[in-house]
Amino acid sequence: MSKPQPALVLGHYKKRIETLLDESAQMLRKERYTANKVYQILKAEGYQGSAGGIHNYISRLFIRPSQLNLCHVKNLINHDSQDKDDH
């Protein structure tokens, strides 16, 4: 399995994405932000990365327990700790 690459462009926007998702969780279901809407908001705020990077990050935040396996959990932990070390 390949080693996850650091999210250089996305790294600066991770907290903002989490804030937007927290705000979205308080909205009515039909009004909540989609990953594409989050991308559009961030793009307007200067984000220059791809929509796919945002989609991937958001999907990693919402992994279902049935999708987890030990190797996947270790990779996520290692990847997140590397991101913190990069700052």
C-alpha atoms as a PDB file:
ATOM      1  CA  MET A   1       0.000   0.000   0.000  1.00  0.00           C
ATOM      2  CA  SER A   2       1.404   3.400  -0.923  1.00  0.00           C
ATOM      3  CA  LYS A   3       2.149   6.028   1.674  1.00  0.00           C
ATOM      4  CA  PRO A   4      -0.418   8.892   1.744  1.00  0.00           C
ATOM      5  CA  GLN A   5       0.957  12.156   0.415  1.00  0.00           C
ATOM      6  CA  PRO A   6       0.756  15.270   2.609  1.00  0.00           C
ATOM      7  CA  ALA A   7      -2.076  17.623   1.683  1.00  0.00           C
ATOM      8  CA  LEU A   8      -0.001  20.714   0.995  1.00  0.00           C
ATOM      9  CA  VAL A   9      -2.719  22.914  -0.491  1.00  0.00           C
ATOM     10  CA  LEU A  10      -5.561  21.496   1.580  1.00  0.00           C
ATOM     11  CA  GLY A  11      -3.635  21.602   4.847  1.00  0.00           C
ATOM     12  CA  HIS A  12      -4.312  25.280   5.392  1.00  0.00           C
ATOM     13  CA  TYR A  13      -8.046  24.776   4.848  1.00  0.00           C
ATOM     14  CA  LYS A  14      -8.744  21.696   6.990  1.00  0.00           C
ATOM     15  CA  LYS A  15      -9.951  23.696  10.010  1.00  0.00           C
ATOM     16  CA  ARG A  16     -12.148  25.830   7.746  1.00  0.00           C
ATOM     17  CA  ILE A  17     -13.695  22.702   6.204  1.00  0.00           C
ATOM     18  CA  GLU A  18     -14.424  21.323   9.663  1.00  0.00           C
ATOM     19  CA  THR A  19     -15.985  24.655  10.685  1.00  0.00           C
ATOM     20  CA  LEU A  20     -18.185  24.668   7.594  1.00  0.00           C
ATOM     21  CA  LEU A  21     -19.287  21.095   8.289  1.00  0.00           C
ATOM     22  CA  ASP A  22     -20.089  21.992  11.905  1.00  0.00           C
ATOM     23  CA  GLU A  23     -22.183  24.930  10.699  1.00  0.00           C
ATOM     24  CA  SER A  24     -23.841  22.693   8.136  1.00  0.00           C
ATOM     25  CA  ALA A  25     -24.795  20.139  10.787  1.00  0.00           C
ATOM     26  CA  GLN A  26     -26.913  22.827  12.482  1.00  0.00           C
ATOM     27  CA  MET A  27     -28.873  23.543   9.289  1.00  0.00           C
ATOM     28  CA  LEU A  28     -32.008  21.851   8.063  1.00  0.00           C
ATOM     29  CA  ARG A  29     -31.168  18.681   6.162  1.00  0.00           C
ATOM     30  CA  LYS A  30     -32.034  20.062   2.714  1.00  0.00           C
ATOM     31  CA  GLU A  31     -29.933  23.185   3.338  1.00  0.00           C
ATOM     32  CA  ARG A  32     -26.712  21.444   4.462  1.00  0.00           C
ATOM     33  CA  TYR A  33     -23.494  21.894   2.538  1.00  0.00           C
ATOM     34  CA  THR A  34     -22.444  19.292   0.042  1.00  0.00           C
ATOM     35  CA  ALA A  35     -18.751  18.666  -0.565  1.00  0.00           C
ATOM     36  CA  ASN A  36     -19.149  20.620  -3.802  1.00  0.00           C
ATOM     37  CA  LYS A  37     -20.655  23.584  -1.932  1.00  0.00           C
ATOM     38  CA  VAL A  38     -17.736  23.499   0.534  1.00  0.00           C
ATOM     39  CA  TYR A  39     -15.380  23.544  -2.466  1.00  0.00           C
ATOM     40  CA  GLN A  40     -17.187  26.559  -3.960  1.00  0.00           C
ATOM     41  CA  ILE A  41     -16.985  28.456  -0.646  1.00  0.00           C
ATOM     42  CA  LEU A  42     -13.286  27.708  -0.232  1.00  0.00           C
ATOM     43  CA  LYS A  43     -12.550  28.576  -3.859  1.00  0.00           C
ATOM     44  CA  ALA A  44     -14.165  31.980  -3.270  1.00  0.00           C
ATOM     45  CA  GLU A  45     -11.892  32.358  -0.231  1.00  0.00           C
ATOM     46  CA  GLY A  46      -8.757  31.666  -2.290  1.00  0.00           C
ATOM     47  CA  TYR A  47      -8.385  27.872  -2.266  1.00  0.00           C
ATOM     48  CA  GLN A  48      -6.451  26.822  -5.372  1.00  0.00           C
ATOM     49  CA  GLY A  49      -6.551  23.046  -5.028  1.00  0.00           C
ATOM     50  CA  SER A  50      -8.865  20.552  -6.644  1.00  0.00           C
ATOM     51  CA  ALA A  51     -12.430  19.716  -5.723  1.00  0.00           C
ATOM     52  CA  GLY A  52     -11.323  16.086  -5.437  1.00  0.00           C
ATOM     53  CA  GLY A  53      -8.988  16.924  -2.571  1.00  0.00           C
ATOM     54  CA  ILE A  54     -11.863  18.405  -0.611  1.00  0.00           C
ATOM     55  CA  HIS A  55     -14.166  15.497  -1.469  1.00  0.00           C
ATOM     56  CA  ASN A  56     -11.538  13.004  -0.316  1.00  0.00           C
ATOM     57  CA  TYR A  57     -10.871  14.858   2.937  1.00  0.00           C
ATOM     58  CA  ILE A  58     -14.574  15.114   3.765  1.00  0.00           C
ATOM     59  CA  SER A  59     -15.170  11.455   2.961  1.00  0.00           C
ATOM     60  CA  ARG A  60     -12.313  10.490   5.299  1.00  0.00           C
ATOM     61  CA  LEU A  61     -14.032  12.425   8.092  1.00  0.00           C
ATOM     62  CA  PHE A  62     -17.175  10.340   7.658  1.00  0.00           C
ATOM     63  CA  ILE A  63     -15.867   6.769   7.439  1.00  0.00           C
ATOM     64  CA  ARG A  64     -18.507   4.244   8.481  1.00  0.00           C
ATOM     65  CA  PRO A  65     -17.476   1.713  11.144  1.00  0.00           C
ATOM     66  CA  SER A  66     -18.144  -1.135   8.706  1.00  0.00           C
ATOM     67  CA  GLN A  67     -15.525   0.323   6.349  1.00  0.00           C
ATOM     68  CA  LEU A  68     -12.754   0.371   8.936  1.00  0.00           C
ATOM     69  CA  ASN A  69     -10.027  -2.175   9.196  1.00  0.00           C
ATOM     70  CA  LEU A  70      -6.911  -2.046  11.338  1.00  0.00           C
ATOM     71  CA  CYS A  71      -4.556  -1.137   8.482  1.00  0.00           C
ATOM     72  CA  HIS A  72      -6.824   1.698   7.373  1.00  0.00           C
ATOM     73  CA  VAL A  73      -7.026   3.120  10.906  1.00  0.00           C
ATOM     74  CA  LYS A  74      -3.233   3.002  11.266  1.00  0.00           C
ATOM     75  CA  ASN A  75      -2.799   4.798   7.927  1.00  0.00           C
ATOM     76  CA  LEU A  76      -5.232   7.530   8.957  1.00  0.00           C
ATOM     77  CA  ILE A  77      -3.494   8.001  12.303  1.00  0.00           C
ATOM     78  CA  ASN A  78      -0.058   8.117  10.679  1.00  0.00           C
ATOM     79  CA  HIS A  79      -1.253  10.513   7.971  1.00  0.00           C
ATOM     80  CA  ASP A  80      -2.854  12.895  10.490  1.00  0.00           C
ATOM     81  CA  SER A  81       0.239  12.864  12.716  1.00  0.00           C
ATOM     82  CA  GLN A  82       2.432  13.662   9.687  1.00  0.00           C
ATOM     83  CA  ASP A  83       0.188  16.603   8.815  1.00  0.00           C
ATOM     84  CA  LYS A  84       0.620  17.986  12.342  1.00  0.00           C
ATOM     85  CA  ASP A  85       4.395  17.538  12.108  1.00  0.00           C
ATOM     86  CA  ASP A  86       4.452  19.508   8.838  1.00  0.00           C
ATOM     87  CA  HIS A  87       3.107  22.649  10.565  1.00  0.00           C
END
